[in-house]
Amino acid sequence: MNEQNVLATILAGGKSERMGKDKLFLELNNKPLIQHTLDKVNKYFKKIIVITNQENEFFSKNNLTTVKDCIEGQLGPLVGVLTAMQWAKKNFPQCAWVATFPCDTPFFPEDIIEKFIEESKKKDSLLLTTSSHGRKHNVFGLWSLELYDKLKDDLINNKIRKVQDWTKKHKIKNLEFKFKDYDPFFNINTLDDLELAKKLNVNDKK
């Protein structure tokens, strides 16, 4: 299933401050952390970009399109969303939506992608967010390109930086996920998190 009007975007422009090193390429189950996200996203989307401010041979070896933040300063994922929208407007004319995924959440449920695709065919909301057990996971989102001008204005002129501060200003639709044994939205920020992830008996090869 390759969606023709959705740009899949992996947000990988963070500073990894708590990790003390770039976490993109730390190994989990014998492959780089970012590869876990790519393996899921690749099944569904024709167009995929990675928002990152670094260069690494991993990207060229895997024929990945990388895009640097359109606003300097590593100001957070909202800039990554805007960057993806800007890239789509120039390079993907039929694009109507940007689907965003973090690079550090290897166990996220694959059916979130299927739900994004399903929602992209509807027109009842311009922004779709996710949550699990009441906890927001706004970096997993489906963003209409109709939001581009407003997002750009808020980032540049109103200095809004936090995803939740921006999304609460808009009519959003939320997907709630439930889990029993572990939180599939568990993200890896520290070396301790990485060690915990290695111990989780999770089949993320769906």
Protein backbone atom coordinates (compact mmCIF):
# COMPACT_ATOMS: atom_id res chain seq x y z
CA MET A 1 0.00 0.00 0.00
CA ASN A 2 1.71 3.18 -1.20
CA GLU A 3 -0.33 6.26 -0.44
CA GLN A 4 -0.09 8.83 -3.19
CA ASN A 5 -0.97 11.99 -1.25
CA VAL A 6 0.75 11.41 2.11
CA LEU A 7 4.38 12.26 2.84
CA ALA A 8 5.83 10.05 5.56
CA THR A 9 8.28 12.02 7.68
CA ILE A 10 10.68 10.65 10.27
CA LEU A 11 11.62 13.36 12.73
CA ALA A 12 15.27 12.87 13.64
CA GLY A 13 16.51 16.38 14.30
CA GLY A 14 16.65 16.24 18.09
CA LYS A 15 19.75 17.00 20.15
CA SER A 16 19.80 13.66 22.05
CA GLU A 17 20.94 15.60 25.11
CA ARG A 18 19.83 13.01 27.66
CA MET A 19 21.53 10.25 25.68
CA GLY A 20 24.85 12.05 25.54
CA LYS A 21 25.31 10.87 21.95
CA ASP A 22 23.30 10.69 18.75
CA LYS A 23 20.72 7.96 19.29
CA LEU A 24 19.69 7.48 15.67
CA PHE A 25 22.24 4.81 15.02
CA LEU A 26 22.43 3.08 18.39
CA GLU A 27 21.78 -0.61 17.87
CA LEU A 28 18.66 -2.33 19.13
CA ASN A 29 18.16 -5.97 18.17
CA ASN A 30 21.02 -5.80 15.68
CA LYS A 31 19.86 -2.78 13.73
CA PRO A 32 20.03 1.00 14.14
CA LEU A 33 17.24 2.57 16.14
CA ILE A 34 15.98 4.56 13.17
CA GLN A 35 15.74 1.38 11.10
CA HIS A 36 12.94 0.07 13.30
CA THR A 37 10.79 3.02 12.26
CA LEU A 38 11.84 2.79 8.62
CA ASP A 39 10.96 -0.90 8.43
CA LYS A 40 7.36 -0.13 9.35
CA VAL A 41 6.93 3.07 7.38
CA ASN A 42 8.48 1.66 4.19
CA LYS A 43 5.64 -0.82 3.82
CA TYR A 44 3.02 1.85 3.36
CA PHE A 45 4.36 5.03 1.80
CA LYS A 46 5.74 5.93 -1.60
CA LYS A 47 7.41 9.12 -0.37
CA ILE A 48 9.51 9.17 2.80
CA ILE A 49 11.88 11.84 4.07
CA VAL A 50 14.01 12.11 7.19
CA ILE A 51 14.28 15.47 8.92
CA THR A 52 17.82 15.60 10.27
CA ASN A 53 20.57 18.17 10.62
CA GLN A 54 23.40 15.70 10.29
CA GLU A 55 25.06 13.75 7.52
CA ASN A 56 25.71 10.03 7.75
CA GLU A 57 26.49 7.37 5.17
CA PHE A 58 23.51 5.38 6.48
CA PHE A 59 21.19 7.74 4.64
CA SER A 60 22.95 7.50 1.28
CA LYS A 61 23.37 3.73 1.53
CA ASN A 62 19.63 3.38 2.06
CA ASN A 63 18.70 5.94 -0.62
CA LEU A 64 16.94 8.10 1.93
CA THR A 65 16.01 11.70 1.29
CA THR A 66 17.21 13.88 4.14
CA VAL A 67 16.10 17.45 4.77
CA LYS A 68 17.56 19.94 7.23
CA ASP A 69 15.34 22.08 9.45
CA CYS A 70 14.03 25.07 7.53
CA ILE A 71 14.54 27.20 10.66
CA GLU A 72 17.95 26.95 12.33
CA GLY A 73 18.53 26.31 16.00
CA GLN A 74 17.12 22.80 16.53
CA LEU A 75 13.88 24.27 17.85
CA GLY A 76 11.90 21.06 18.09
CA PRO A 77 9.52 18.82 16.16
CA LEU A 78 7.17 21.60 15.03
CA VAL A 79 9.98 22.93 12.86
CA GLY A 80 10.37 19.41 11.50
CA VAL A 81 6.70 19.35 10.57
CA LEU A 82 6.97 22.73 8.85
CA THR A 83 10.09 21.56 7.03
CA ALA A 84 8.27 18.49 5.74
CA MET A 85 5.34 20.60 4.56
CA GLN A 86 7.69 23.00 2.81
CA TRP A 87 9.52 20.13 1.11
CA ALA A 88 6.22 18.58 0.02
CA LYS A 89 4.98 21.82 -1.50
CA LYS A 90 8.12 21.99 -3.65
CA ASN A 91 8.74 18.34 -4.43
CA PHE A 92 5.49 16.40 -4.02
CA PRO A 93 2.71 18.37 -5.77
CA GLN A 94 -0.08 15.88 -5.06
CA CYS A 95 0.70 15.77 -1.34
CA ALA A 96 -2.16 16.73 0.96
CA TRP A 97 -0.90 15.31 4.27
CA VAL A 98 2.29 14.88 6.26
CA ALA A 99 2.44 11.84 8.55
CA THR A 100 5.09 12.23 11.24
CA PHE A 101 6.93 9.55 13.20
CA PRO A 102 9.71 9.93 15.78
CA CYS A 103 12.95 8.02 15.28
CA ASP A 104 13.24 6.80 18.87
CA THR A 105 10.01 4.83 19.42
CA PRO A 106 10.79 1.42 17.93
CA PHE A 107 7.78 -0.50 19.23
CA PHE A 108 4.99 1.79 18.07
CA PRO A 109 1.92 -0.11 16.83
CA GLU A 110 1.98 -0.57 13.09
CA ASP A 111 -1.77 -0.14 12.83
CA ILE A 112 -1.25 3.53 13.61
CA ILE A 113 -0.02 3.86 10.03
CA GLU A 114 -3.12 2.14 8.69
CA LYS A 115 -5.30 4.50 10.73
CA PHE A 116 -3.38 7.53 9.45
CA ILE A 117 -4.00 6.37 5.89
CA GLU A 118 -7.68 5.76 6.60
CA GLU A 119 -8.06 9.21 8.17
CA SER A 120 -6.27 10.89 5.26
CA LYS A 121 -9.17 9.88 3.05
CA LYS A 122 -11.62 11.78 5.25
CA LYS A 123 -12.08 15.52 5.51
CA ASP A 124 -13.43 15.96 9.02
CA SER A 125 -10.20 17.26 10.58
CA LEU A 126 -6.96 18.92 9.51
CA LEU A 127 -4.89 17.45 12.33
CA LEU A 128 -4.80 13.99 13.83
CA THR A 129 -2.89 13.22 17.03
CA THR A 130 -2.39 10.06 19.08
CA SER A 131 -2.48 9.06 22.72
CA SER A 132 -2.35 5.96 24.90
CA HIS A 133 -4.01 5.67 28.30
CA GLY A 134 -4.62 9.40 28.27
CA ARG A 135 -1.01 10.33 27.49
CA LYS A 136 -0.48 12.41 24.36
CA HIS A 137 2.01 11.36 21.68
CA ASN A 138 1.79 14.39 19.43
CA VAL A 139 4.91 13.62 17.40
CA PHE A 140 2.88 10.78 15.91
CA GLY A 141 0.60 12.96 13.84
CA LEU A 142 -1.19 13.47 10.56
CA TRP A 143 -0.99 17.08 9.44
CA SER A 144 -2.90 18.67 6.56
CA LEU A 145 -0.86 20.93 4.32
CA GLU A 146 -3.66 23.46 4.77
CA LEU A 147 -2.04 24.19 8.14
CA TYR A 148 1.23 25.32 6.56
CA ASP A 149 0.71 29.09 6.62
CA LYS A 150 -0.59 29.12 10.19
CA LEU A 151 2.21 26.89 11.45
CA LYS A 152 4.85 29.01 9.73
CA ASP A 153 3.42 32.20 11.21
CA ASP A 154 3.24 30.76 14.72
CA LEU A 155 6.80 29.46 14.59
CA ILE A 156 8.36 32.61 13.16
CA ASN A 157 6.23 35.40 14.59
CA ASN A 158 4.61 33.94 17.70
CA LYS A 159 7.61 31.83 18.76
CA ILE A 160 5.51 28.76 19.59
CA ARG A 161 7.82 25.78 20.08
CA LYS A 162 5.96 23.01 21.92
CA VAL A 163 3.77 20.69 19.87
CA GLN A 164 1.06 20.59 22.53
CA ASP A 165 0.92 24.39 22.71
CA TRP A 166 0.24 24.54 18.99
CA THR A 167 -2.13 21.60 18.62
CA LYS A 168 -4.42 22.76 21.43
CA LYS A 169 -5.16 25.88 19.38
CA HIS A 170 -6.69 23.80 16.62
CA LYS A 171 -9.55 21.43 16.10
CA ILE A 172 -7.93 18.03 16.32
CA LYS A 173 -9.00 14.44 16.10
CA ASN A 174 -7.26 12.04 18.45
CA LEU A 175 -6.56 8.33 18.12
CA GLU A 176 -6.47 6.57 21.48
CA PHE A 177 -4.47 3.35 21.75
CA LYS A 178 -4.73 0.88 24.60
CA PHE A 179 -2.06 -1.53 25.75
CA LYS A 180 -1.71 -4.24 28.37
CA ASP A 181 1.82 -5.54 28.83
CA TYR A 182 3.98 -2.58 27.82
CA ASP A 183 3.60 0.88 26.36
CA PRO A 184 4.31 0.61 22.61
CA PHE A 185 4.97 4.35 22.58
CA PHE A 186 7.94 3.88 24.91
CA ASN A 187 10.66 6.12 23.53
CA ILE A 188 14.38 5.84 24.04
CA ASN A 189 16.04 8.92 25.52
CA THR A 190 18.80 7.48 27.71
CA LEU A 191 21.16 4.53 27.75
CA ASP A 192 19.00 3.04 30.51
CA ASP A 193 16.01 3.26 28.18
CA LEU A 194 18.01 1.46 25.52
CA GLU A 195 18.89 -1.34 27.91
CA LEU A 196 15.24 -1.66 28.92
CA ALA A 197 14.22 -1.83 25.27
CA LYS A 198 16.67 -4.67 24.71
CA LYS A 199 15.01 -6.62 27.51
CA LEU A 200 11.48 -6.18 26.21
CA ASN A 201 10.20 -9.33 24.56
CA VAL A 202 8.55 -7.51 21.72
CA ASN A 203 8.12 -8.62 18.17
CA ASP A 204 8.37 -5.36 16.25
CA LYS A 205 8.76 -7.03 12.88
CA LYS A 206 5.07 -6.89 12.00
